[in-house]
Amino acid sequence: MRSLTSLTKKPETVVAAQGIDRLLRDVRTGRFERSLSALTAAGALVTAAEIYFEHDSASFGNKMMWVPVALGPVGAAAGVAGVVSRRMAKTVLPITSAAIVANGLQGTYLHARGIAQKPGGWSNARYNLEMGPPLFAPLLVTMVGGMGLLASVLRREQ
């Protein structure tokens, strides 16, 4: 496989291509801990903000709606700690990420229950899936937690 650096001529392009080559090599060899920890931190903040707005539009009718909102900043802090410290990436990040995954699965159950409680329940699924709580939305936060779990088992970049 030809390197990206051999296809370019300008010095700044060569540096960028070397950075891309290094990133691809790190991913290929499983050295992606810091980068995935950073993505987990960013994903946790963005997801928590989205969850806040959606749950706020439902007036936080169930107290459990606050849990994913509160876990967002905790997940972001754990992701940043994973970027800074290998030890945190192997201890705090997986614990926090597991809590986020568990909450996302719990949210999927609660959203399914909410759809079932709408008039007509699952027999009127087409309407209730559109007008009720979004069934697959909690799985997005589960994916953020999954990224943190994956980051904790990968090797650290140099």
N, C-alpha and C. Protein backbone atom coordinates (compact mmCIF):
# COMPACT_ATOMS: atom_id res chain seq x y z
N MET A 1 0.84 -1.18 0.00
CA MET A 1 0.00 0.00 0.00
C MET A 1 0.88 1.23 0.00
N ARG A 2 0.63 2.13 -0.93
CA ARG A 2 1.43 3.35 -1.02
C ARG A 2 1.01 4.31 0.06
N SER A 3 1.97 4.99 0.62
CA SER A 3 1.71 5.99 1.65
C SER A 3 1.10 7.23 1.02
N LEU A 4 0.27 7.91 1.80
CA LEU A 4 -0.28 9.17 1.33
C LEU A 4 0.82 10.21 1.11
N THR A 5 1.91 10.08 1.86
CA THR A 5 2.98 11.06 1.74
C THR A 5 3.67 10.97 0.38
N SER A 6 3.66 9.79 -0.25
CA SER A 6 4.33 9.67 -1.54
C SER A 6 3.49 10.27 -2.67
N LEU A 7 2.24 10.59 -2.42
CA LEU A 7 1.37 11.13 -3.45
C LEU A 7 1.34 12.65 -3.48
N THR A 8 1.98 13.29 -2.51
CA THR A 8 1.89 14.74 -2.41
C THR A 8 3.26 15.37 -2.53
N LYS A 9 3.26 16.67 -2.83
CA LYS A 9 4.52 17.39 -3.02
C LYS A 9 4.76 18.49 -1.99
N LYS A 10 3.73 19.26 -1.62
CA LYS A 10 3.91 20.42 -0.75
C LYS A 10 4.26 19.98 0.67
N PRO A 11 5.16 20.71 1.36
CA PRO A 11 5.57 20.33 2.71
C PRO A 11 4.42 20.25 3.71
N GLU A 12 3.49 21.23 3.67
CA GLU A 12 2.38 21.18 4.63
C GLU A 12 1.44 20.02 4.33
N THR A 13 1.33 19.64 3.06
CA THR A 13 0.50 18.50 2.70
C THR A 13 1.16 17.20 3.14
N VAL A 14 2.49 17.16 3.08
CA VAL A 14 3.22 15.97 3.51
C VAL A 14 3.03 15.76 5.02
N VAL A 15 3.09 16.84 5.79
CA VAL A 15 2.90 16.75 7.24
C VAL A 15 1.49 16.25 7.55
N ALA A 16 0.49 16.79 6.86
CA ALA A 16 -0.89 16.35 7.08
C ALA A 16 -1.06 14.89 6.70
N ALA A 17 -0.45 14.49 5.60
CA ALA A 17 -0.56 13.10 5.15
C ALA A 17 0.13 12.17 6.14
N GLN A 18 1.26 12.60 6.70
CA GLN A 18 1.93 11.78 7.71
C GLN A 18 1.05 11.63 8.95
N GLY A 19 0.35 12.69 9.32
CA GLY A 19 -0.57 12.62 10.46
C GLY A 19 -1.70 11.65 10.20
N ILE A 20 -2.23 11.67 8.97
CA ILE A 20 -3.30 10.74 8.61
C ILE A 20 -2.78 9.31 8.62
N ASP A 21 -1.56 9.11 8.06
CA ASP A 21 -0.96 7.78 8.06
C ASP A 21 -0.78 7.27 9.49
N ARG A 22 -0.33 8.14 10.36
CA ARG A 22 -0.12 7.74 11.76
C ARG A 22 -1.45 7.39 12.44
N LEU A 23 -2.49 8.21 12.19
CA LEU A 23 -3.81 7.93 12.75
C LEU A 23 -4.32 6.58 12.26
N LEU A 24 -4.21 6.32 10.97
CA LEU A 24 -4.67 5.04 10.42
C LEU A 24 -3.88 3.87 11.01
N ARG A 25 -2.59 4.04 11.18
CA ARG A 25 -1.75 2.99 11.78
C ARG A 25 -2.15 2.75 13.23
N ASP A 26 -2.43 3.82 13.97
CA ASP A 26 -2.87 3.67 15.36
C ASP A 26 -4.19 2.92 15.45
N VAL A 27 -5.13 3.25 14.58
CA VAL A 27 -6.42 2.57 14.60
C VAL A 27 -6.24 1.10 14.22
N ARG A 28 -5.43 0.85 13.20
CA ARG A 28 -5.19 -0.52 12.74
C ARG A 28 -4.56 -1.38 13.82
N THR A 29 -3.69 -0.79 14.63
CA THR A 29 -3.00 -1.56 15.67
C THR A 29 -3.68 -1.47 17.03
N GLY A 30 -4.85 -0.86 17.09
CA GLY A 30 -5.60 -0.79 18.34
C GLY A 30 -5.08 0.25 19.32
N ARG A 31 -4.33 1.22 18.84
CA ARG A 31 -3.83 2.30 19.70
C ARG A 31 -4.69 3.54 19.47
N PHE A 32 -5.83 3.55 20.14
CA PHE A 32 -6.80 4.61 19.89
C PHE A 32 -7.47 5.05 21.18
N GLU A 33 -6.85 4.76 22.31
CA GLU A 33 -7.45 5.02 23.61
C GLU A 33 -7.72 6.50 23.86
N ARG A 34 -6.74 7.33 23.66
CA ARG A 34 -6.90 8.76 23.95
C ARG A 34 -7.91 9.41 23.00
N SER A 35 -7.83 9.10 21.74
CA SER A 35 -8.75 9.69 20.77
C SER A 35 -10.19 9.28 21.05
N LEU A 36 -10.41 7.99 21.33
CA LEU A 36 -11.76 7.53 21.60
C LEU A 36 -12.27 8.05 22.95
N SER A 37 -11.37 8.27 23.90
CA SER A 37 -11.77 8.90 25.16
C SER A 37 -12.25 10.32 24.92
N ALA A 38 -11.56 11.04 24.05
CA ALA A 38 -11.97 12.41 23.72
C ALA A 38 -13.31 12.42 22.99
N LEU A 39 -13.50 11.48 22.07
CA LEU A 39 -14.78 11.39 21.38
C LEU A 39 -15.91 11.03 22.35
N THR A 40 -15.61 10.21 23.34
CA THR A 40 -16.60 9.88 24.36
C THR A 40 -16.99 11.13 25.15
N ALA A 41 -16.00 11.93 25.51
CA ALA A 41 -16.29 13.17 26.25
C ALA A 41 -17.18 14.10 25.43
N ALA A 42 -16.83 14.29 24.18
CA ALA A 42 -17.62 15.18 23.32
C ALA A 42 -19.02 14.60 23.10
N GLY A 43 -19.10 13.31 22.84
CA GLY A 43 -20.40 12.67 22.62
C GLY A 43 -21.29 12.74 23.84
N ALA A 44 -20.71 12.60 25.02
CA ALA A 44 -21.49 12.67 26.25
C ALA A 44 -22.10 14.06 26.44
N LEU A 45 -21.34 15.09 26.15
CA LEU A 45 -21.87 16.46 26.30
C LEU A 45 -22.98 16.76 25.30
N VAL A 46 -22.73 16.41 24.05
CA VAL A 46 -23.73 16.68 23.00
C VAL A 46 -25.01 15.89 23.28
N THR A 47 -24.84 14.63 23.64
CA THR A 47 -26.01 13.79 23.91
C THR A 47 -26.78 14.27 25.13
N ALA A 48 -26.06 14.67 26.18
CA ALA A 48 -26.74 15.16 27.39
C ALA A 48 -27.52 16.43 27.09
N ALA A 49 -26.97 17.31 26.26
CA ALA A 49 -27.70 18.53 25.90
C ALA A 49 -28.97 18.18 25.12
N GLU A 50 -28.86 17.28 24.18
CA GLU A 50 -30.03 16.87 23.40
C GLU A 50 -31.09 16.22 24.30
N ILE A 51 -30.64 15.37 25.21
CA ILE A 51 -31.57 14.71 26.13
C ILE A 51 -32.25 15.76 27.01
N TYR A 52 -31.49 16.73 27.47
CA TYR A 52 -32.09 17.78 28.30
C TYR A 52 -33.22 18.47 27.55
N PHE A 53 -32.98 18.87 26.32
CA PHE A 53 -34.01 19.59 25.57
C PHE A 53 -35.24 18.71 25.32
N GLU A 54 -35.01 17.45 24.99
CA GLU A 54 -36.14 16.55 24.73
C GLU A 54 -36.93 16.27 26.00
N HIS A 55 -36.23 16.00 27.09
CA HIS A 55 -36.93 15.72 28.34
C HIS A 55 -37.58 16.99 28.91
N ASP A 56 -36.98 18.13 28.65
CA ASP A 56 -37.59 19.38 29.09
C ASP A 56 -38.92 19.62 28.36
N SER A 57 -38.96 19.25 27.08
CA SER A 57 -40.22 19.43 26.33
C SER A 57 -41.30 18.50 26.87
N ALA A 58 -40.89 17.42 27.56
CA ALA A 58 -41.85 16.52 28.22
C ALA A 58 -42.01 16.91 29.70
N SER A 59 -41.52 18.07 30.07
CA SER A 59 -41.63 18.62 31.43
C SER A 59 -41.02 17.73 32.50
N PHE A 60 -40.05 16.92 32.13
CA PHE A 60 -39.41 16.01 33.09
C PHE A 60 -40.49 15.31 33.93
N GLY A 61 -41.49 14.75 33.23
CA GLY A 61 -42.63 14.13 33.89
C GLY A 61 -42.28 12.95 34.77
N ASN A 62 -41.17 12.30 34.50
CA ASN A 62 -40.69 11.18 35.30
C ASN A 62 -39.32 11.58 35.86
N LYS A 63 -39.11 11.38 37.12
CA LYS A 63 -37.84 11.78 37.75
C LYS A 63 -36.63 11.08 37.12
N MET A 64 -36.85 9.90 36.53
CA MET A 64 -35.76 9.17 35.89
C MET A 64 -35.21 9.91 34.67
N MET A 65 -35.96 10.88 34.17
CA MET A 65 -35.50 11.65 33.02
C MET A 65 -34.27 12.49 33.34
N TRP A 66 -34.03 12.75 34.61
CA TRP A 66 -32.86 13.54 35.00
C TRP A 66 -31.57 12.72 34.98
N VAL A 67 -31.67 11.40 35.07
CA VAL A 67 -30.46 10.57 35.19
C VAL A 67 -29.55 10.71 33.97
N PRO A 68 -30.04 10.55 32.72
CA PRO A 68 -29.10 10.71 31.60
C PRO A 68 -28.56 12.12 31.46
N VAL A 69 -29.34 13.10 31.90
CA VAL A 69 -28.87 14.49 31.85
C VAL A 69 -27.69 14.65 32.83
N ALA A 70 -27.81 14.04 34.00
CA ALA A 70 -26.74 14.14 35.00
C ALA A 70 -25.52 13.30 34.61
N LEU A 71 -25.75 12.17 33.93
CA LEU A 71 -24.62 11.32 33.54
C LEU A 71 -23.79 11.92 32.42
N GLY A 72 -24.36 12.85 31.66
CA GLY A 72 -23.62 13.46 30.55
C GLY A 72 -22.33 14.16 30.98
N PRO A 73 -22.41 15.11 31.90
CA PRO A 73 -21.18 15.77 32.35
C PRO A 73 -20.22 14.81 33.06
N VAL A 74 -20.76 13.82 33.75
CA VAL A 74 -19.90 12.84 34.41
C VAL A 74 -19.14 12.04 33.35
N GLY A 75 -19.84 11.63 32.28
CA GLY A 75 -19.19 10.92 31.19
C GLY A 75 -18.16 11.78 30.48
N ALA A 76 -18.47 13.06 30.33
CA ALA A 76 -17.52 13.97 29.69
C ALA A 76 -16.26 14.12 30.54
N ALA A 77 -16.44 14.26 31.84
CA ALA A 77 -15.28 14.38 32.74
C ALA A 77 -14.44 13.11 32.71
N ALA A 78 -15.10 11.96 32.69
CA ALA A 78 -14.37 10.69 32.63
C ALA A 78 -13.62 10.56 31.30
N GLY A 79 -14.23 11.02 30.21
CA GLY A 79 -13.56 10.98 28.91
C GLY A 79 -12.33 11.87 28.88
N VAL A 80 -12.45 13.07 29.43
CA VAL A 80 -11.29 13.98 29.50
C VAL A 80 -10.21 13.37 30.39
N ALA A 81 -10.62 12.79 31.52
CA ALA A 81 -9.64 12.14 32.41
C ALA A 81 -8.94 11.00 31.69
N GLY A 82 -9.68 10.28 30.82
CA GLY A 82 -9.08 9.21 30.03
C GLY A 82 -8.07 9.71 29.02
N VAL A 83 -8.28 10.91 28.51
CA VAL A 83 -7.31 11.50 27.59
C VAL A 83 -6.02 11.85 28.34
N VAL A 84 -6.17 12.41 29.53
CA VAL A 84 -5.03 12.91 30.29
C VAL A 84 -4.25 11.79 30.98
N SER A 85 -4.97 10.79 31.49
CA SER A 85 -4.32 9.78 32.33
C SER A 85 -4.69 8.37 31.88
N ARG A 86 -3.67 7.56 31.67
CA ARG A 86 -3.91 6.15 31.31
C ARG A 86 -4.64 5.44 32.44
N ARG A 87 -4.27 5.75 33.67
CA ARG A 87 -4.89 5.12 34.83
C ARG A 87 -6.39 5.41 34.89
N MET A 88 -6.77 6.65 34.62
CA MET A 88 -8.19 7.02 34.60
C MET A 88 -8.93 6.33 33.45
N ALA A 89 -8.23 6.17 32.32
CA ALA A 89 -8.84 5.50 31.17
C ALA A 89 -9.13 4.03 31.47
N LYS A 90 -8.39 3.45 32.39
CA LYS A 90 -8.58 2.03 32.72
C LYS A 90 -9.45 1.82 33.96
N THR A 91 -9.77 2.88 34.71
CA THR A 91 -10.56 2.72 35.93
C THR A 91 -11.86 3.53 35.89
N VAL A 92 -11.75 4.84 35.87
CA VAL A 92 -12.92 5.71 35.94
C VAL A 92 -13.76 5.64 34.66
N LEU A 93 -13.12 5.67 33.51
CA LEU A 93 -13.84 5.68 32.24
C LEU A 93 -14.71 4.44 32.06
N PRO A 94 -14.23 3.22 32.30
CA PRO A 94 -15.12 2.08 32.11
C PRO A 94 -16.28 2.02 33.10
N ILE A 95 -16.06 2.45 34.33
CA ILE A 95 -17.15 2.45 35.32
C ILE A 95 -18.24 3.43 34.90
N THR A 96 -17.82 4.63 34.54
CA THR A 96 -18.77 5.64 34.10
C THR A 96 -19.47 5.21 32.82
N SER A 97 -18.72 4.66 31.89
CA SER A 97 -19.30 4.22 30.63
C SER A 97 -20.29 3.08 30.83
N ALA A 98 -20.00 2.17 31.74
CA ALA A 98 -20.94 1.09 32.03
C ALA A 98 -22.24 1.65 32.61
N ALA A 99 -22.13 2.67 33.45
CA ALA A 99 -23.34 3.30 34.00
C ALA A 99 -24.15 3.96 32.89
N ILE A 100 -23.47 4.57 31.92
CA ILE A 100 -24.16 5.21 30.80
C ILE A 100 -24.85 4.17 29.93
N VAL A 101 -24.17 3.05 29.68
CA VAL A 101 -24.78 1.97 28.90
C VAL A 101 -26.01 1.43 29.62
N ALA A 102 -25.88 1.17 30.91
CA ALA A 102 -27.02 0.65 31.69
C ALA A 102 -28.19 1.62 31.66
N ASN A 103 -27.90 2.91 31.80
CA ASN A 103 -28.97 3.91 31.77
C ASN A 103 -29.61 3.98 30.39
N GLY A 104 -28.82 3.85 29.34
CA GLY A 104 -29.38 3.85 27.98
C GLY A 104 -30.30 2.67 27.74
N LEU A 105 -29.91 1.50 28.24
CA LEU A 105 -30.78 0.33 28.10
C LEU A 105 -32.05 0.50 28.93
N GLN A 106 -31.90 1.06 30.11
CA GLN A 106 -33.06 1.34 30.95
C GLN A 106 -33.99 2.34 30.24
N GLY A 107 -33.41 3.35 29.62
CA GLY A 107 -34.19 4.34 28.89
C GLY A 107 -34.95 3.72 27.72
N THR A 108 -34.33 2.76 27.05
CA THR A 108 -35.02 2.08 25.96
C THR A 108 -36.25 1.35 26.49
N TYR A 109 -36.10 0.68 27.62
CA TYR A 109 -37.24 0.02 28.26
C TYR A 109 -38.32 1.03 28.64
N LEU A 110 -37.90 2.13 29.27
CA LEU A 110 -38.88 3.14 29.70
C LEU A 110 -39.59 3.79 28.51
N HIS A 111 -38.88 4.01 27.43
CA HIS A 111 -39.51 4.58 26.24
C HIS A 111 -40.49 3.57 25.63
N ALA A 112 -40.12 2.29 25.60
CA ALA A 112 -41.04 1.26 25.09
C ALA A 112 -42.29 1.20 25.97
N ARG A 113 -42.09 1.30 27.27
CA ARG A 113 -43.23 1.31 28.19
C ARG A 113 -44.10 2.55 27.96
N GLY A 114 -43.47 3.68 27.69
CA GLY A 114 -44.22 4.90 27.40
C GLY A 114 -45.06 4.78 26.14
N ILE A 115 -44.52 4.10 25.13
CA ILE A 115 -45.28 3.88 23.90
C ILE A 115 -46.47 2.97 24.20
N ALA A 116 -46.24 1.94 25.01
CA ALA A 116 -47.32 1.02 25.36
C ALA A 116 -48.42 1.71 26.15
N GLN A 117 -48.09 2.75 26.90
CA GLN A 117 -49.09 3.46 27.72
C GLN A 117 -49.88 4.49 26.93
N LYS A 118 -49.47 4.80 25.71
CA LYS A 118 -50.23 5.73 24.88
C LYS A 118 -51.55 5.06 24.47
N PRO A 119 -52.56 5.84 24.13
CA PRO A 119 -53.84 5.24 23.70
C PRO A 119 -53.64 4.28 22.52
N GLY A 120 -54.09 3.06 22.69
CA GLY A 120 -53.91 2.04 21.66
C GLY A 120 -52.65 1.22 21.84
N GLY A 121 -51.70 1.73 22.62
CA GLY A 121 -50.46 0.99 22.90
C GLY A 121 -49.75 0.52 21.64
N TRP A 122 -49.26 -0.68 21.68
CA TRP A 122 -48.51 -1.24 20.57
C TRP A 122 -49.40 -1.63 19.40
N SER A 123 -50.70 -1.80 19.65
CA SER A 123 -51.59 -2.11 18.52
C SER A 123 -51.75 -0.89 17.61
N ASN A 124 -51.43 0.28 18.12
CA ASN A 124 -51.44 1.51 17.33
C ASN A 124 -49.99 2.00 17.19
N ALA A 125 -49.09 1.06 16.92
CA ALA A 125 -47.64 1.34 16.96
C ALA A 125 -47.22 2.42 15.98
N ARG A 126 -47.75 2.40 14.78
CA ARG A 126 -47.30 3.38 13.79
C ARG A 126 -47.49 4.81 14.30
N TYR A 127 -48.63 5.10 14.87
CA TYR A 127 -48.89 6.43 15.40
C TYR A 127 -48.10 6.68 16.68
N ASN A 128 -48.12 5.72 17.59
CA ASN A 128 -47.48 5.92 18.89
C ASN A 128 -45.96 5.97 18.80
N LEU A 129 -45.37 5.32 17.81
CA LEU A 129 -43.92 5.43 17.63
C LEU A 129 -43.53 6.84 17.18
N GLU A 130 -44.40 7.47 16.41
CA GLU A 130 -44.11 8.83 15.95
C GLU A 130 -44.43 9.88 17.00
N MET A 131 -45.50 9.68 17.75
CA MET A 131 -45.97 10.69 18.69
C MET A 131 -45.52 10.45 20.13
N GLY A 132 -45.10 9.25 20.43
CA GLY A 132 -44.68 8.92 21.80
C GLY A 132 -43.19 9.17 21.99
N PRO A 133 -42.65 8.65 23.07
CA PRO A 133 -41.21 8.81 23.31
C PRO A 133 -40.41 8.10 22.21
N PRO A 134 -39.31 8.68 21.77
CA PRO A 134 -38.54 8.06 20.70
C PRO A 134 -37.89 6.76 21.18
N LEU A 135 -38.28 5.65 20.56
CA LEU A 135 -37.88 4.33 21.03
C LEU A 135 -36.37 4.11 20.96
N PHE A 136 -35.73 4.56 19.91
CA PHE A 136 -34.31 4.25 19.72
C PHE A 136 -33.38 5.35 20.21
N ALA A 137 -33.90 6.47 20.64
CA ALA A 137 -33.05 7.57 21.11
C ALA A 137 -32.16 7.17 22.29
N PRO A 138 -32.64 6.41 23.27
CA PRO A 138 -31.75 6.04 24.37
C PRO A 138 -30.57 5.16 23.92
N LEU A 139 -30.72 4.48 22.79
CA LEU A 139 -29.61 3.67 22.30
C LEU A 139 -28.45 4.53 21.81
N LEU A 140 -28.72 5.79 21.48
CA LEU A 140 -27.64 6.70 21.09
C LEU A 140 -26.72 6.98 22.27
N VAL A 141 -27.30 7.21 23.45
CA VAL A 141 -26.47 7.42 24.63
C VAL A 141 -25.76 6.11 25.01
N THR A 142 -26.40 4.98 24.72
CA THR A 142 -25.76 3.69 24.96
C THR A 142 -24.50 3.56 24.10
N MET A 143 -24.56 4.07 22.87
CA MET A 143 -23.39 4.02 22.00
C MET A 143 -22.25 4.88 22.54
N VAL A 144 -22.59 6.02 23.14
CA VAL A 144 -21.55 6.86 23.75
C VAL A 144 -20.86 6.09 24.88
N GLY A 145 -21.65 5.42 25.71
CA GLY A 145 -21.07 4.60 26.76
C GLY A 145 -20.24 3.46 26.19
N GLY A 146 -20.71 2.89 25.09
CA GLY A 146 -19.96 1.83 24.43
C GLY A 146 -18.61 2.31 23.91
N MET A 147 -18.57 3.55 23.43
CA MET A 147 -17.29 4.11 22.98
C MET A 147 -16.32 4.22 24.15
N GLY A 148 -16.83 4.64 25.30
CA GLY A 148 -15.98 4.73 26.49
C GLY A 148 -15.48 3.37 26.93
N LEU A 149 -16.35 2.35 26.87
CA LEU A 149 -15.91 1.00 27.22
C LEU A 149 -14.84 0.50 26.25
N LEU A 150 -15.05 0.77 24.97
CA LEU A 150 -14.07 0.37 23.97
C LEU A 150 -12.75 1.10 24.18
N ALA A 151 -12.82 2.39 24.47
CA ALA A 151 -11.59 3.16 24.72
C ALA A 151 -10.80 2.57 25.88
N SER A 152 -11.50 2.08 26.88
CA SER A 152 -10.80 1.57 28.07
C SER A 152 -10.06 0.27 27.82
N VAL A 153 -10.40 -0.46 26.76
CA VAL A 153 -9.69 -1.72 26.48
C VAL A 153 -8.65 -1.59 25.39
N LEU A 154 -8.64 -0.44 24.71
CA LEU A 154 -7.63 -0.22 23.66
C LEU A 154 -6.30 0.19 24.26
N ARG A 155 -5.28 0.13 23.41
CA ARG A 155 -3.95 0.59 23.83
C ARG A 155 -3.84 2.08 23.59
N ARG A 156 -2.96 2.70 24.34
CA ARG A 156 -2.78 4.16 24.31
C ARG A 156 -1.88 4.55 23.15
N GLU A 157 -2.22 5.68 22.49
CA GLU A 157 -1.35 6.21 21.44
C GLU A 157 -0.05 6.72 22.07
N GLN A 158 0.93 6.87 21.23
CA GLN A 158 2.23 7.37 21.71
C GLN A 158 2.20 8.86 21.86
